[in-house]
Full PDB file with SEQRES, HELIX, SHEET, SSBOND, CRYST1, ORIGX, SCALE, CONECT and MASTER records, all heavy atoms in Angstrom:
SEQRES   1 A   31  ALA ASP ALA ALA TRP PHE LEU HIS GLU LEU THR SER GLY          
SEQRES   2 A   31  MET PRO LEU ARG PHE PHE VAL LEU PHE SER SER LEU ALA          
SEQRES   3 A   31  GLY VAL VAL GLY ASN                                          
HELIX    1 AA1 ASP A    2  LEU A   10  1                                   9    
HELIX    2 AA2 ALA A   26  VAL A   29  1                                   4    
CRYST1    1.000    1.000    1.000  90.00  90.00  90.00 P 1           1          
ORIGX1      1.000000  0.000000  0.000000        0.00000                         
ORIGX2      0.000000  1.000000  0.000000        0.00000                         
ORIGX3      0.000000  0.000000  1.000000        0.00000                         
SCALE1      1.000000  0.000000  0.000000        0.00000                         
SCALE2      0.000000  1.000000  0.000000        0.00000                         
SCALE3      0.000000  0.000000  1.000000        0.00000                         
ATOM      1  N   ALA A   1      88.501 -23.851 -45.780  1.00  0.00           N  
ATOM      2  CA  ALA A   1      87.527 -23.781 -46.875  1.00  0.00           C  
ATOM      3  C   ALA A   1      88.188 -23.622 -48.242  1.00  0.00           C  
ATOM      4  O   ALA A   1      87.893 -24.372 -49.185  1.00  0.00           O  
ATOM      5  CB  ALA A   1      86.551 -22.641 -46.614  1.00  0.00           C  
ATOM      6  N   ASP A   2      89.079 -22.630 -48.379  1.00  0.00           N  
ATOM      7  CA  ASP A   2      89.725 -22.415 -49.677  1.00  0.00           C  
ATOM      8  C   ASP A   2      90.502 -23.649 -50.113  1.00  0.00           C  
ATOM      9  O   ASP A   2      90.402 -24.099 -51.272  1.00  0.00           O  
ATOM     10  CB  ASP A   2      90.661 -21.215 -49.617  1.00  0.00           C  
ATOM     11  CG  ASP A   2      89.923 -19.899 -49.464  1.00  0.00           C  
ATOM     12  OD1 ASP A   2      88.688 -19.893 -49.644  1.00  0.00           O  
ATOM     13  OD2 ASP A   2      90.566 -18.877 -49.157  1.00  0.00           O  
ATOM     14  N   ALA A   3      91.290 -24.195 -49.194  1.00  0.00           N  
ATOM     15  CA  ALA A   3      92.100 -25.368 -49.545  1.00  0.00           C  
ATOM     16  C   ALA A   3      91.220 -26.556 -49.923  1.00  0.00           C  
ATOM     17  O   ALA A   3      91.548 -27.310 -50.855  1.00  0.00           O  
ATOM     18  CB  ALA A   3      93.012 -25.738 -48.379  1.00  0.00           C  
ATOM     19  N   ALA A   4      90.095 -26.733 -49.228  1.00  0.00           N  
ATOM     20  CA  ALA A   4      89.190 -27.840 -49.558  1.00  0.00           C  
ATOM     21  C   ALA A   4      88.631 -27.685 -50.973  1.00  0.00           C  
ATOM     22  O   ALA A   4      88.548 -28.658 -51.745  1.00  0.00           O  
ATOM     23  CB  ALA A   4      88.051 -27.909 -48.542  1.00  0.00           C  
ATOM     24  N   TRP A   5      88.266 -26.465 -51.323  1.00  0.00           N  
ATOM     25  CA  TRP A   5      87.738 -26.236 -52.668  1.00  0.00           C  
ATOM     26  C   TRP A   5      88.812 -26.460 -53.728  1.00  0.00           C  
ATOM     27  O   TRP A   5      88.542 -27.053 -54.782  1.00  0.00           O  
ATOM     28  CB  TRP A   5      87.159 -24.836 -52.770  1.00  0.00           C  
ATOM     29  CG  TRP A   5      86.536 -24.567 -54.109  1.00  0.00           C  
ATOM     30  CD1 TRP A   5      87.039 -23.830 -55.136  1.00  0.00           C  
ATOM     31  CD2 TRP A   5      85.287 -25.091 -54.574  1.00  0.00           C  
ATOM     32  NE1 TRP A   5      86.196 -23.847 -56.206  1.00  0.00           N  
ATOM     33  CE2 TRP A   5      85.098 -24.617 -55.899  1.00  0.00           C  
ATOM     34  CE3 TRP A   5      84.314 -25.905 -54.004  1.00  0.00           C  
ATOM     35  CZ2 TRP A   5      83.977 -24.936 -56.656  1.00  0.00           C  
ATOM     36  CZ3 TRP A   5      83.191 -26.218 -54.763  1.00  0.00           C  
ATOM     37  CH2 TRP A   5      83.037 -25.739 -56.068  1.00  0.00           C  
ATOM     38  N   PHE A   6      90.034 -26.012 -53.453  1.00  0.00           N  
ATOM     39  CA  PHE A   6      91.123 -26.237 -54.405  1.00  0.00           C  
ATOM     40  C   PHE A   6      91.357 -27.732 -54.607  1.00  0.00           C  
ATOM     41  O   PHE A   6      91.541 -28.200 -55.747  1.00  0.00           O  
ATOM     42  CB  PHE A   6      92.417 -25.577 -53.900  1.00  0.00           C  
ATOM     43  CG  PHE A   6      92.346 -24.079 -53.802  1.00  0.00           C  
ATOM     44  CD1 PHE A   6      93.174 -23.391 -52.914  1.00  0.00           C  
ATOM     45  CD2 PHE A   6      91.461 -23.345 -54.575  1.00  0.00           C  
ATOM     46  CE1 PHE A   6      93.116 -22.014 -52.809  1.00  0.00           C  
ATOM     47  CE2 PHE A   6      91.396 -21.955 -54.475  1.00  0.00           C  
ATOM     48  CZ  PHE A   6      92.223 -21.296 -53.588  1.00  0.00           C  
ATOM     49  N   LEU A   7      91.347 -28.504 -53.526  1.00  0.00           N  
ATOM     50  CA  LEU A   7      91.533 -29.960 -53.634  1.00  0.00           C  
ATOM     51  C   LEU A   7      90.392 -30.589 -54.430  1.00  0.00           C  
ATOM     52  O   LEU A   7      90.607 -31.510 -55.230  1.00  0.00           O  
ATOM     53  CB  LEU A   7      91.619 -30.590 -52.246  1.00  0.00           C  
ATOM     54  CG  LEU A   7      92.901 -30.289 -51.460  1.00  0.00           C  
ATOM     55  CD1 LEU A   7      92.736 -30.723 -50.001  1.00  0.00           C  
ATOM     56  CD2 LEU A   7      94.093 -31.004 -52.096  1.00  0.00           C  
ATOM     57  N   HIS A   8      89.193 -30.095 -54.213  1.00  0.00           N  
ATOM     58  CA  HIS A   8      88.039 -30.584 -54.974  1.00  0.00           C  
ATOM     59  C   HIS A   8      88.242 -30.343 -56.463  1.00  0.00           C  
ATOM     60  O   HIS A   8      88.035 -31.253 -57.292  1.00  0.00           O  
ATOM     61  CB  HIS A   8      86.782 -29.868 -54.476  1.00  0.00           C  
ATOM     62  CG  HIS A   8      85.619 -29.909 -55.416  1.00  0.00           C  
ATOM     63  ND1 HIS A   8      84.970 -31.082 -55.755  1.00  0.00           N  
ATOM     64  CD2 HIS A   8      84.984 -28.912 -56.110  1.00  0.00           C  
ATOM     65  CE1 HIS A   8      83.984 -30.808 -56.602  1.00  0.00           C  
ATOM     66  NE2 HIS A   8      83.980 -29.498 -56.821  1.00  0.00           N  
ATOM     67  N   GLU A   9      88.657 -29.153 -56.842  1.00  0.00           N  
ATOM     68  CA  GLU A   9      88.868 -28.836 -58.257  1.00  0.00           C  
ATOM     69  C   GLU A   9      90.052 -29.605 -58.844  1.00  0.00           C  
ATOM     70  O   GLU A   9      89.972 -30.160 -59.956  1.00  0.00           O  
ATOM     71  CB  GLU A   9      89.108 -27.335 -58.423  1.00  0.00           C  
ATOM     72  CG  GLU A   9      87.898 -26.465 -58.125  1.00  0.00           C  
ATOM     73  CD  GLU A   9      88.184 -24.991 -58.347  1.00  0.00           C  
ATOM     74  OE1 GLU A   9      89.322 -24.549 -58.055  1.00  0.00           O  
ATOM     75  OE2 GLU A   9      87.276 -24.280 -58.819  1.00  0.00           O  
ATOM     76  N   LEU A  10      91.155 -29.654 -58.094  1.00  0.00           N  
ATOM     77  CA  LEU A  10      92.387 -30.237 -58.619  1.00  0.00           C  
ATOM     78  C   LEU A  10      92.321 -31.754 -58.756  1.00  0.00           C  
ATOM     79  O   LEU A  10      93.090 -32.344 -59.526  1.00  0.00           O  
ATOM     80  CB  LEU A  10      93.575 -29.856 -57.724  1.00  0.00           C  
ATOM     81  CG  LEU A  10      93.922 -28.356 -57.688  1.00  0.00           C  
ATOM     82  CD1 LEU A  10      94.922 -28.065 -56.576  1.00  0.00           C  
ATOM     83  CD2 LEU A  10      94.459 -27.902 -59.046  1.00  0.00           C  
ATOM     84  N   THR A  11      91.427 -32.401 -58.041  1.00  0.00           N  
ATOM     85  CA  THR A  11      91.325 -33.865 -58.115  1.00  0.00           C  
ATOM     86  C   THR A  11      90.053 -34.327 -58.814  1.00  0.00           C  
ATOM     87  O   THR A  11      89.762 -35.520 -58.834  1.00  0.00           O  
ATOM     88  CB  THR A  11      91.345 -34.467 -56.701  1.00  0.00           C  
ATOM     89  OG1 THR A  11      90.203 -34.022 -55.968  1.00  0.00           O  
ATOM     90  CG2 THR A  11      92.616 -34.082 -55.962  1.00  0.00           C  
ATOM     91  N   SER A  12      89.310 -33.392 -59.408  1.00  0.00           N  
ATOM     92  CA  SER A  12      88.000 -33.754 -59.958  1.00  0.00           C  
ATOM     93  C   SER A  12      88.066 -34.815 -61.046  1.00  0.00           C  
ATOM     94  O   SER A  12      87.113 -35.567 -61.253  1.00  0.00           O  
ATOM     95  CB  SER A  12      87.291 -32.503 -60.496  1.00  0.00           C  
ATOM     96  OG  SER A  12      88.080 -31.902 -61.526  1.00  0.00           O  
ATOM     97  N   GLY A  13      89.192 -34.904 -61.753  1.00  0.00           N  
ATOM     98  CA  GLY A  13      89.303 -35.913 -62.811  1.00  0.00           C  
ATOM     99  C   GLY A  13      89.972 -37.195 -62.378  1.00  0.00           C  
ATOM    100  O   GLY A  13      90.209 -38.089 -63.215  1.00  0.00           O  
ATOM    101  N   MET A  14      90.282 -37.330 -61.100  1.00  0.00           N  
ATOM    102  CA  MET A  14      90.986 -38.520 -60.609  1.00  0.00           C  
ATOM    103  C   MET A  14      90.002 -39.542 -60.030  1.00  0.00           C  
ATOM    104  O   MET A  14      89.001 -39.168 -59.411  1.00  0.00           O  
ATOM    105  CB  MET A  14      91.999 -38.117 -59.527  1.00  0.00           C  
ATOM    106  CG  MET A  14      93.093 -37.191 -60.008  1.00  0.00           C  
ATOM    107  SD  MET A  14      94.247 -36.796 -58.659  1.00  0.00           S  
ATOM    108  CE  MET A  14      95.327 -35.623 -59.502  1.00  0.00           C  
ATOM    109  N   PRO A  15      90.313 -40.832 -60.199  1.00  0.00           N  
ATOM    110  CA  PRO A  15      89.427 -41.883 -59.653  1.00  0.00           C  
ATOM    111  C   PRO A  15      89.684 -42.113 -58.158  1.00  0.00           C  
ATOM    112  O   PRO A  15      90.168 -43.171 -57.746  1.00  0.00           O  
ATOM    113  CB  PRO A  15      89.800 -43.103 -60.488  1.00  0.00           C  
ATOM    114  CG  PRO A  15      91.242 -42.898 -60.826  1.00  0.00           C  
ATOM    115  CD  PRO A  15      91.416 -41.419 -60.992  1.00  0.00           C  
ATOM    116  N   LEU A  16      89.359 -41.123 -57.351  1.00  0.00           N  
ATOM    117  CA  LEU A  16      89.604 -41.240 -55.913  1.00  0.00           C  
ATOM    118  C   LEU A  16      88.688 -42.284 -55.279  1.00  0.00           C  
ATOM    119  O   LEU A  16      87.522 -42.407 -55.644  1.00  0.00           O  
ATOM    120  CB  LEU A  16      89.369 -39.894 -55.220  1.00  0.00           C  
ATOM    121  CG  LEU A  16      90.215 -38.689 -55.657  1.00  0.00           C  
ATOM    122  CD1 LEU A  16      89.804 -37.462 -54.844  1.00  0.00           C  
ATOM    123  CD2 LEU A  16      91.691 -38.968 -55.482  1.00  0.00           C  
ATOM    124  N   ARG A  17      89.256 -42.996 -54.312  1.00  0.00           N  
ATOM    125  CA  ARG A  17      88.436 -43.934 -53.534  1.00  0.00           C  
ATOM    126  C   ARG A  17      87.767 -43.209 -52.372  1.00  0.00           C  
ATOM    127  O   ARG A  17      86.685 -43.600 -51.933  1.00  0.00           O  
ATOM    128  CB  ARG A  17      89.289 -45.089 -53.004  1.00  0.00           C  
ATOM    129  CG  ARG A  17      89.731 -46.067 -54.103  1.00  0.00           C  
ATOM    130  CD  ARG A  17      90.284 -47.346 -53.504  1.00  0.00           C  
ATOM    131  NE  ARG A  17      91.521 -47.138 -52.765  1.00  0.00           N  
ATOM    132  CZ  ARG A  17      91.635 -47.264 -51.458  1.00  0.00           C  
ATOM    133  NH1 ARG A  17      90.571 -47.573 -50.720  1.00  0.00           N  
ATOM    134  NH2 ARG A  17      92.804 -47.070 -50.863  1.00  0.00           N  
ATOM    135  N   PHE A  18      88.408 -42.197 -51.851  1.00  0.00           N  
ATOM    136  CA  PHE A  18      87.786 -41.423 -50.777  1.00  0.00           C  
ATOM    137  C   PHE A  18      88.338 -40.005 -50.764  1.00  0.00           C  
ATOM    138  O   PHE A  18      89.444 -39.735 -51.257  1.00  0.00           O  
ATOM    139  CB  PHE A  18      87.961 -42.093 -49.404  1.00  0.00           C  
ATOM    140  CG  PHE A  18      89.380 -42.392 -49.032  1.00  0.00           C  
ATOM    141  CD1 PHE A  18      90.210 -41.428 -48.483  1.00  0.00           C  
ATOM    142  CD2 PHE A  18      89.899 -43.668 -49.219  1.00  0.00           C  
ATOM    143  CE1 PHE A  18      91.505 -41.711 -48.130  1.00  0.00           C  
ATOM    144  CE2 PHE A  18      91.204 -43.969 -48.860  1.00  0.00           C  
ATOM    145  CZ  PHE A  18      92.018 -42.980 -48.316  1.00  0.00           C  
ATOM    146  N   PHE A  19      87.533 -39.119 -50.208  1.00  0.00           N  
ATOM    147  CA  PHE A  19      87.856 -37.694 -50.086  1.00  0.00           C  
ATOM    148  C   PHE A  19      87.317 -37.286 -48.718  1.00  0.00           C  
ATOM    149  O   PHE A  19      86.125 -37.001 -48.559  1.00  0.00           O  
ATOM    150  CB  PHE A  19      87.178 -36.914 -51.213  1.00  0.00           C  
ATOM    151  CG  PHE A  19      87.586 -35.467 -51.333  1.00  0.00           C  
ATOM    152  CD1 PHE A  19      88.601 -35.072 -52.187  1.00  0.00           C  
ATOM    153  CD2 PHE A  19      86.922 -34.480 -50.607  1.00  0.00           C  
ATOM    154  CE1 PHE A  19      88.963 -33.732 -52.328  1.00  0.00           C  
ATOM    155  CE2 PHE A  19      87.271 -33.141 -50.741  1.00  0.00           C  
ATOM    156  CZ  PHE A  19      88.296 -32.769 -51.603  1.00  0.00           C  
ATOM    157  N   VAL A  20      88.187 -37.316 -47.717  1.00  0.00           N  
ATOM    158  CA  VAL A  20      87.759 -37.114 -46.335  1.00  0.00           C  
ATOM    159  C   VAL A  20      88.152 -35.708 -45.870  1.00  0.00           C  
ATOM    160  O   VAL A  20      89.326 -35.320 -45.946  1.00  0.00           O  
ATOM    161  CB  VAL A  20      88.389 -38.157 -45.394  1.00  0.00           C  
ATOM    162  CG1 VAL A  20      87.912 -37.926 -43.955  1.00  0.00           C  
ATOM    163  CG2 VAL A  20      88.023 -39.563 -45.849  1.00  0.00           C  
ATOM    164  N   LEU A  21      87.170 -34.982 -45.398  1.00  0.00           N  
ATOM    165  CA  LEU A  21      87.378 -33.627 -44.898  1.00  0.00           C  
ATOM    166  C   LEU A  21      87.273 -33.638 -43.374  1.00  0.00           C  
ATOM    167  O   LEU A  21      86.289 -34.143 -42.821  1.00  0.00           O  
ATOM    168  CB  LEU A  21      86.334 -32.684 -45.479  1.00  0.00           C  
ATOM    169  CG  LEU A  21      86.308 -32.584 -47.014  1.00  0.00           C  
ATOM    170  CD1 LEU A  21      85.020 -31.912 -47.477  1.00  0.00           C  
ATOM    171  CD2 LEU A  21      87.520 -31.820 -47.514  1.00  0.00           C  
ATOM    172  N   PHE A  22      88.286 -33.118 -42.696  1.00  0.00           N  
ATOM    173  CA  PHE A  22      88.237 -33.024 -41.244  1.00  0.00           C  
ATOM    174  C   PHE A  22      87.567 -31.708 -40.871  1.00  0.00           C  
ATOM    175  O   PHE A  22      88.172 -30.642 -40.832  1.00  0.00           O  
ATOM    176  CB  PHE A  22      89.640 -33.096 -40.649  1.00  0.00           C  
ATOM    177  CG  PHE A  22      90.114 -34.508 -40.401  1.00  0.00           C  
ATOM    178  CD1 PHE A  22      89.682 -35.543 -41.205  1.00  0.00           C  
ATOM    179  CD2 PHE A  22      90.985 -34.793 -39.371  1.00  0.00           C  
ATOM    180  CE1 PHE A  22      90.108 -36.847 -40.997  1.00  0.00           C  
ATOM    181  CE2 PHE A  22      91.414 -36.083 -39.134  1.00  0.00           C  
ATOM    182  CZ  PHE A  22      90.981 -37.123 -39.948  1.00  0.00           C  
ATOM    183  N   SER A  23      86.278 -31.821 -40.579  1.00  0.00           N  
ATOM    184  CA  SER A  23      85.465 -30.682 -40.164  1.00  0.00           C  
ATOM    185  C   SER A  23      85.449 -30.627 -38.636  1.00  0.00           C  
ATOM    186  O   SER A  23      86.228 -31.305 -37.973  1.00  0.00           O  
ATOM    187  CB  SER A  23      84.063 -30.841 -40.758  1.00  0.00           C  
ATOM    188  OG  SER A  23      83.200 -29.819 -40.337  1.00  0.00           O  
ATOM    189  N   SER A  24      84.562 -29.842 -38.084  1.00  0.00           N  
ATOM    190  CA  SER A  24      84.516 -29.666 -36.631  1.00  0.00           C  
ATOM    191  C   SER A  24      83.083 -29.570 -36.140  1.00  0.00           C  
ATOM    192  O   SER A  24      82.184 -29.100 -36.849  1.00  0.00           O  
ATOM    193  CB  SER A  24      85.266 -28.388 -36.229  1.00  0.00           C  
ATOM    194  OG  SER A  24      84.999 -28.042 -34.881  1.00  0.00           O  
ATOM    195  N   LEU A  25      82.900 -29.997 -34.904  1.00  0.00           N  
ATOM    196  CA  LEU A  25      81.606 -29.877 -34.248  1.00  0.00           C  
ATOM    197  C   LEU A  25      81.140 -28.423 -34.191  1.00  0.00           C  
ATOM    198  O   LEU A  25      79.945 -28.148 -34.140  1.00  0.00           O  
ATOM    199  CB  LEU A  25      81.732 -30.453 -32.834  1.00  0.00           C  
ATOM    200  CG  LEU A  25      80.469 -30.805 -32.075  1.00  0.00           C  
ATOM    201  CD1 LEU A  25      79.657 -31.845 -32.824  1.00  0.00           C  
ATOM    202  CD2 LEU A  25      80.839 -31.325 -30.687  1.00  0.00           C  
ATOM    203  N   ALA A  26      82.102 -27.506 -34.230  1.00  0.00           N  
ATOM    204  CA  ALA A  26      81.744 -26.083 -34.183  1.00  0.00           C  
ATOM    205  C   ALA A  26      80.843 -25.697 -35.347  1.00  0.00           C  
ATOM    206  O   ALA A  26      80.011 -24.794 -35.218  1.00  0.00           O  
ATOM    207  CB  ALA A  26      83.009 -25.220 -34.200  1.00  0.00           C  
ATOM    208  N   GLY A  27      80.998 -26.337 -36.486  1.00  0.00           N  
ATOM    209  CA  GLY A  27      80.173 -26.019 -37.641  1.00  0.00           C  
ATOM    210  C   GLY A  27      78.764 -26.569 -37.549  1.00  0.00           C  
ATOM    211  O   GLY A  27      77.877 -26.164 -38.298  1.00  0.00           O  
ATOM    212  N   VAL A  28      78.533 -27.517 -36.618  1.00  0.00           N  
ATOM    213  CA  VAL A  28      77.222 -28.161 -36.475  1.00  0.00           C  
ATOM    214  C   VAL A  28      76.423 -27.549 -35.326  1.00  0.00           C  
ATOM    215  O   VAL A  28      75.243 -27.239 -35.479  1.00  0.00           O  
ATOM    216  CB  VAL A  28      77.379 -29.682 -36.245  1.00  0.00           C  
ATOM    217  CG1 VAL A  28      76.018 -30.352 -36.076  1.00  0.00           C  
ATOM    218  CG2 VAL A  28      78.148 -30.318 -37.389  1.00  0.00           C  
ATOM    219  N   VAL A  29      77.067 -27.375 -34.175  1.00  0.00           N  
ATOM    220  CA  VAL A  29      76.347 -26.875 -33.002  1.00  0.00           C  
ATOM    221  C   VAL A  29      76.888 -25.534 -32.517  1.00  0.00           C  
ATOM    222  O   VAL A  29      76.360 -24.959 -31.569  1.00  0.00           O  
ATOM    223  CB  VAL A  29      76.391 -27.900 -31.843  1.00  0.00           C  
ATOM    224  CG1 VAL A  29      75.722 -29.184 -32.241  1.00  0.00           C  
ATOM    225  CG2 VAL A  29      77.832 -28.148 -31.385  1.00  0.00           C  
ATOM    226  N   GLY A  30      77.956 -25.038 -33.155  1.00  0.00           N  
ATOM    227  CA  GLY A  30      78.535 -23.768 -32.736  1.00  0.00           C  
ATOM    228  C   GLY A  30      79.436 -23.942 -31.528  1.00  0.00           C  
ATOM    229  O   GLY A  30      79.411 -24.967 -30.846  1.00  0.00           O  
ATOM    230  N   ASN A  31      80.223 -22.921 -31.262  1.00  0.00           N  
ATOM    231  CA  ASN A  31      81.080 -22.901 -30.085  1.00  0.00           C  
ATOM    232  C   ASN A  31      81.459 -21.452 -29.808  1.00  0.00           C  
ATOM    233  O   ASN A  31      81.802 -20.721 -30.735  1.00  0.00           O  
ATOM    234  CB  ASN A  31      82.338 -23.754 -30.290  1.00  0.00           C  
ATOM    235  CG  ASN A  31      83.098 -23.968 -28.999  1.00  0.00           C  
ATOM    236  OD1 ASN A  31      82.515 -23.969 -27.919  1.00  0.00           O  
ATOM    237  ND2 ASN A  31      84.406 -24.137 -29.099  1.00  0.00           N  
TER     238      ASN A  31                                                      
MASTER        0    0    0    2    0    0    0    6  237    1    0    3          
END                                                                             
């Protein structure tokens, strides 16, 4: 989470073509 937010802030001014986050099924249905 922290690293994802830092990447979001640090690249906010860049013309990115994609920003892919590797999440997990655990966040959707639990585990």
